[in-house]
Amino acid sequence: MKELNSEQFQVYSTRIYQAIWLAILACLLMLFASAVSANQGNNQVATQDTAAIRSKVQEFLQVQTMGVPGKVSITVGQVEQHLRLQACSDLEAFLPAGSRAWGRTTVGIKCSQPAAWTIYVQARVNVTGQYLAAAVPLRQGHEIGEQDLMFLTGDLTTLPPSIITEKPLAIGQTVSSSIVSGSVIRQDMLRKPAAVKQGQSVRIISSGKGFSVSAEGQALANASEGQVVRAKTGNGSVISGIARNSGEVIVSF
């Protein structure tokens, strides 16, 4: 083996030391990177499962629509994925002010622990059921009988809020304005039958603290149960009272 002179030996030794130090430095960097990665993994916060949020909305709306006349169908909208909410063990659902579990709606979901946050999820509640419609043309003033009514089936959430779903709520009432055959019947289209009619003899009952008197009189207008009506007494006086189906006019003092 060729012997190295002192200068060559010094260069050779320097290179060996440099290689050793580079190897040591590489090992230290690898250990540091591993430690940082482990620390980041330990500090990472678990995020809320959006499927659990949608399930909570579904469950909440099912409870809210219990007892609704008809078949309920609930569709829950998607939850924004970019929100990255902290995981919550006790989700709470609520209806914001002005919302109801009917048609297009919004449900609030909030968390108190371990981090407080609130989000709002869009949903749709459809209710397929029967509602009353006119089986024949109904003229103004007509008193509704069972033969005047028929049931139609549809999504009740798309109809006016005053629709009628039970026949007894319509039978016996009178039509306030003409209704075309096949049209949905609403509560505001009907009025109660007259408890007293104009010109009808009525019993006027006046009562107050410690007294009650009655007298015969005559109704001056038509009035339904509970409405105010004017009546003329036997001596010609005109009073106002509450009409009753019994043919009485109640005057309270």
Protein backbone atom coordinates (compact mmCIF):
# COMPACT_ATOMS: atom_id res chain seq x y z
CA MET A 1 0.00 0.00 0.00
CA LYS A 2 1.33 3.39 -0.95
CA GLU A 3 2.24 5.44 2.04
CA LEU A 4 0.67 8.90 2.40
CA ASN A 5 2.70 11.91 3.12
CA SER A 6 1.66 14.22 5.96
CA GLU A 7 -0.25 16.60 3.71
CA GLN A 8 -2.22 13.84 2.01
CA PHE A 9 -2.92 12.22 5.39
CA GLN A 10 -4.32 15.47 6.72
CA VAL A 11 -6.64 15.87 3.70
CA TYR A 12 -7.80 12.28 4.00
CA SER A 13 -8.52 12.65 7.75
CA THR A 14 -10.46 15.86 7.18
CA ARG A 15 -12.72 14.18 4.65
CA ILE A 16 -13.41 11.28 7.04
CA TYR A 17 -14.36 13.67 9.86
CA GLN A 18 -16.64 15.63 7.51
CA ALA A 19 -18.39 12.45 6.40
CA ILE A 20 -18.90 11.39 10.02
CA TRP A 21 -20.32 14.79 11.03
CA LEU A 22 -22.63 14.86 8.02
CA ALA A 23 -23.95 11.41 8.96
CA ILE A 24 -24.51 12.54 12.56
CA LEU A 25 -26.26 15.74 11.39
CA ALA A 26 -28.53 13.73 9.06
CA CYS A 27 -29.51 11.45 11.95
CA LEU A 28 -30.29 14.43 14.19
CA LEU A 29 -32.46 16.04 11.51
CA MET A 30 -34.39 12.79 11.04
CA LEU A 31 -34.97 12.50 14.81
CA PHE A 32 -36.13 16.13 14.98
CA ALA A 33 -38.57 15.70 12.08
CA SER A 34 -39.96 12.57 13.68
CA ALA A 35 -40.49 14.35 16.99
CA VAL A 36 -42.27 17.30 15.34
CA SER A 37 -44.55 14.94 13.42
CA ALA A 38 -45.43 13.01 16.56
CA ASN A 39 -46.15 16.23 18.46
CA GLN A 40 -48.46 17.48 15.69
CA GLY A 41 -50.31 14.17 15.73
CA ASN A 42 -50.82 14.42 19.49
CA ASN A 43 -52.15 17.99 19.24
CA GLN A 44 -54.57 17.34 16.35
CA VAL A 45 -58.22 18.00 17.37
CA ALA A 46 -60.89 15.51 16.32
CA THR A 47 -63.45 17.04 13.92
CA GLN A 48 -67.22 16.57 14.05
CA ASP A 49 -68.71 13.86 11.86
CA THR A 50 -71.16 15.62 9.51
CA ALA A 51 -73.18 12.41 9.14
CA ALA A 52 -73.97 12.61 12.86
CA ILE A 53 -75.21 16.20 12.41
CA ARG A 54 -77.55 15.21 9.57
CA SER A 55 -78.80 12.23 11.58
CA LYS A 56 -79.59 14.56 14.50
CA VAL A 57 -81.59 16.86 12.19
CA GLN A 58 -83.52 13.87 10.79
CA GLU A 59 -84.32 12.57 14.26
CA PHE A 60 -85.38 16.03 15.48
CA LEU A 61 -87.78 16.62 12.58
CA GLN A 62 -89.30 13.16 12.99
CA VAL A 63 -90.18 14.02 16.59
CA GLN A 64 -91.51 17.46 15.60
CA THR A 65 -93.88 15.98 12.99
CA MET A 66 -95.34 13.21 15.15
CA GLY A 67 -99.14 13.33 14.96
CA VAL A 68 -99.22 15.27 11.68
CA PRO A 69 -102.13 13.98 9.52
CA GLY A 70 -100.45 12.30 6.56
CA LYS A 71 -97.28 10.51 5.50
CA VAL A 72 -94.18 12.49 6.43
CA SER A 73 -91.06 12.50 4.27
CA ILE A 74 -87.91 14.29 5.47
CA THR A 75 -84.92 15.29 3.35
CA VAL A 76 -81.88 16.76 5.12
CA GLY A 77 -79.46 18.97 3.22
CA GLN A 78 -75.68 18.60 3.18
CA VAL A 79 -73.38 20.07 5.82
CA GLU A 80 -70.50 22.22 4.59
CA GLN A 81 -67.33 20.09 4.79
CA HIS A 82 -64.94 23.03 5.12
CA LEU A 83 -66.34 24.03 8.52
CA ARG A 84 -64.17 21.44 10.38
CA LEU A 85 -66.08 21.72 13.65
CA GLN A 86 -64.63 20.26 16.82
CA ALA A 87 -66.19 16.90 17.70
CA CYS A 88 -69.18 17.15 20.08
CA SER A 89 -70.56 14.34 22.25
CA ASP A 90 -73.93 16.01 22.91
CA LEU A 91 -75.49 17.67 19.87
CA GLU A 92 -78.63 19.74 20.46
CA ALA A 93 -81.18 20.53 17.72
CA PHE A 94 -83.60 23.46 17.68
CA LEU A 95 -85.89 25.42 15.35
CA PRO A 96 -84.72 29.02 14.83
CA ALA A 97 -87.25 31.80 15.37
CA GLY A 98 -89.70 31.91 12.46
CA SER A 99 -89.03 28.32 11.35
CA ARG A 100 -91.32 25.33 11.69
CA ALA A 101 -91.13 21.66 10.80
CA TRP A 102 -93.14 22.12 7.60
CA GLY A 103 -92.06 22.50 3.96
CA ARG A 104 -88.65 24.10 3.44
CA THR A 105 -87.18 24.70 6.85
CA THR A 106 -83.96 25.30 8.78
CA VAL A 107 -82.77 23.39 11.83
CA GLY A 108 -80.11 24.69 14.17
CA ILE A 109 -77.51 22.34 15.67
CA LYS A 110 -75.40 23.56 18.58
CA CYS A 111 -72.67 22.21 20.83
CA SER A 112 -71.70 23.48 24.29
CA GLN A 113 -68.83 21.15 25.21
CA PRO A 114 -65.92 20.79 24.65
CA ALA A 115 -66.15 23.75 22.24
CA ALA A 116 -69.17 25.99 21.70
CA TRP A 117 -70.41 26.23 18.10
CA THR A 118 -73.71 26.53 16.22
CA ILE A 119 -74.56 25.77 12.60
CA TYR A 120 -77.79 25.75 10.56
CA VAL A 121 -78.84 22.93 8.27
CA GLN A 122 -81.43 23.17 5.49
CA ALA A 123 -84.13 20.49 5.29
CA ARG A 124 -87.41 19.72 3.56
CA VAL A 125 -90.49 18.23 5.23
CA ASN A 126 -93.17 16.88 2.89
CA VAL A 127 -96.52 15.65 4.20
CA THR A 128 -98.69 13.62 1.84
CA GLY A 129 -102.28 13.50 3.04
CA GLN A 130 -105.93 14.11 2.25
CA TYR A 131 -107.68 17.46 2.21
CA LEU A 132 -111.21 18.62 1.44
CA ALA A 133 -112.31 20.01 -1.91
CA ALA A 134 -115.66 20.96 -3.38
CA ALA A 135 -117.33 17.97 -5.07
CA VAL A 136 -119.79 20.31 -6.82
CA PRO A 137 -120.00 24.06 -7.40
CA LEU A 138 -120.96 25.77 -4.13
CA ARG A 139 -122.76 29.08 -4.24
CA GLN A 140 -122.45 31.83 -1.67
CA GLY A 141 -124.66 31.25 1.37
CA HIS A 142 -125.00 27.49 0.73
CA GLU A 143 -124.92 25.33 3.85
CA ILE A 144 -122.41 22.53 3.28
CA GLY A 145 -123.54 18.92 3.50
CA GLU A 146 -121.49 15.73 3.22
CA GLN A 147 -122.46 15.30 -0.45
CA ASP A 148 -120.80 18.65 -1.26
CA LEU A 149 -117.35 17.42 -0.21
CA MET A 150 -114.67 15.13 -1.56
CA PHE A 151 -111.13 14.24 -0.54
CA LEU A 152 -108.05 14.92 -2.64
CA THR A 153 -104.53 13.70 -1.89
CA GLY A 154 -101.39 15.81 -2.18
CA ASP A 155 -98.49 17.45 -0.42
CA LEU A 156 -100.12 19.43 2.38
CA THR A 157 -97.02 21.61 2.81
CA THR A 158 -97.59 23.21 -0.60
CA LEU A 159 -101.20 24.16 0.18
CA PRO A 160 -102.56 27.18 2.11
CA PRO A 161 -102.27 26.78 5.90
CA SER A 162 -106.05 27.07 6.38
CA ILE A 163 -106.99 23.90 4.46
CA ILE A 164 -109.51 21.53 6.06
CA THR A 165 -108.67 17.83 6.47
CA GLU A 166 -111.79 16.61 8.30
CA LYS A 167 -115.39 16.70 7.07
CA PRO A 168 -117.00 17.58 10.43
CA LEU A 169 -115.09 20.86 10.40
CA ALA A 170 -116.89 21.93 7.21
CA ILE A 171 -120.33 20.28 7.36
CA GLY A 172 -123.03 22.66 8.56
CA GLN A 173 -121.08 25.80 7.76
CA THR A 174 -122.12 28.20 5.04
CA VAL A 175 -120.11 29.32 2.02
CA SER A 176 -118.92 32.93 2.29
CA SER A 177 -118.12 33.19 -1.43
CA SER A 178 -118.80 30.85 -4.34
CA ILE A 179 -116.44 27.88 -4.73
CA VAL A 180 -115.68 26.15 -8.03
CA SER A 181 -115.97 22.36 -8.19
CA GLY A 182 -112.64 20.69 -7.43
CA SER A 183 -111.24 23.69 -5.55
CA VAL A 184 -109.59 23.21 -2.18
CA ILE A 185 -111.80 24.35 0.69
CA ARG A 186 -110.18 26.67 3.21
CA GLN A 187 -111.45 27.72 6.59
CA ASP A 188 -111.61 31.36 5.48
CA MET A 189 -114.07 30.36 2.72
CA LEU A 190 -116.65 29.29 5.28
CA ARG A 191 -118.56 30.85 8.12
CA LYS A 192 -120.60 29.40 10.91
CA PRO A 193 -124.34 29.14 10.31
CA ALA A 194 -126.47 31.92 11.77
CA ALA A 195 -127.32 31.42 15.43
CA VAL A 196 -130.02 34.07 15.05
CA LYS A 197 -131.48 35.56 11.90
CA GLN A 198 -132.76 39.02 11.14
CA GLY A 199 -136.37 39.42 12.27
CA GLN A 200 -136.22 36.27 14.45
CA SER A 201 -137.73 36.39 17.92
CA VAL A 202 -134.98 36.00 20.51
CA ARG A 203 -134.74 35.88 24.28
CA ILE A 204 -132.64 38.73 25.60
CA ILE A 205 -130.89 37.79 28.82
CA SER A 206 -129.31 40.63 30.76
CA SER A 207 -127.06 39.76 33.70
CA GLY A 208 -124.70 41.46 36.06
CA LYS A 209 -123.44 41.19 39.60
CA GLY A 210 -126.31 39.81 41.65
CA PHE A 211 -129.03 39.93 39.01
CA SER A 212 -130.30 38.32 35.79
CA VAL A 213 -133.40 39.27 33.82
CA SER A 214 -134.80 38.11 30.50
CA ALA A 215 -137.22 39.51 27.99
CA GLU A 216 -138.46 38.83 24.50
CA GLY A 217 -136.98 40.76 21.61
CA GLN A 218 -136.26 40.72 17.90
CA ALA A 219 -132.88 40.25 16.16
CA LEU A 220 -132.00 43.11 13.84
CA ALA A 221 -129.37 41.15 11.83
CA ASN A 222 -127.99 37.69 11.19
CA ALA A 223 -125.24 36.56 13.58
CA SER A 224 -123.26 33.38 14.14
CA GLU A 225 -122.57 31.79 17.50
CA GLY A 226 -120.43 34.17 19.57
CA GLN A 227 -120.89 37.20 17.32
CA VAL A 228 -122.24 40.53 18.51
CA VAL A 229 -125.78 41.23 17.32
CA ARG A 230 -128.23 44.08 17.87
CA ALA A 231 -131.73 43.31 19.09
CA LYS A 232 -134.86 45.38 19.80
CA THR A 233 -136.67 44.92 23.11
CA GLY A 234 -140.44 45.02 23.57
CA ASN A 235 -140.35 48.67 24.59
CA GLY A 236 -138.43 49.66 21.46
CA SER A 237 -134.96 49.93 23.00
CA VAL A 238 -132.03 48.58 20.95
CA ILE A 239 -129.27 46.68 22.75
CA SER A 240 -126.20 44.73 21.67
CA GLY A 241 -125.34 41.26 22.93
CA ILE A 242 -123.70 37.95 22.09
CA ALA A 243 -125.68 35.59 19.85
CA ARG A 244 -126.15 31.99 20.99
CA ASN A 245 -127.35 28.97 18.99
CA SER A 246 -130.18 28.59 21.49
CA GLY A 247 -131.78 31.73 20.04
CA GLU A 248 -130.63 33.86 22.91
CA VAL A 249 -128.84 37.20 23.01
CA ILE A 250 -126.65 37.59 26.11
CA VAL A 251 -126.09 41.07 27.50
CA SER A 252 -123.55 41.44 30.30
CA PHE A 253 -123.16 44.44 32.56
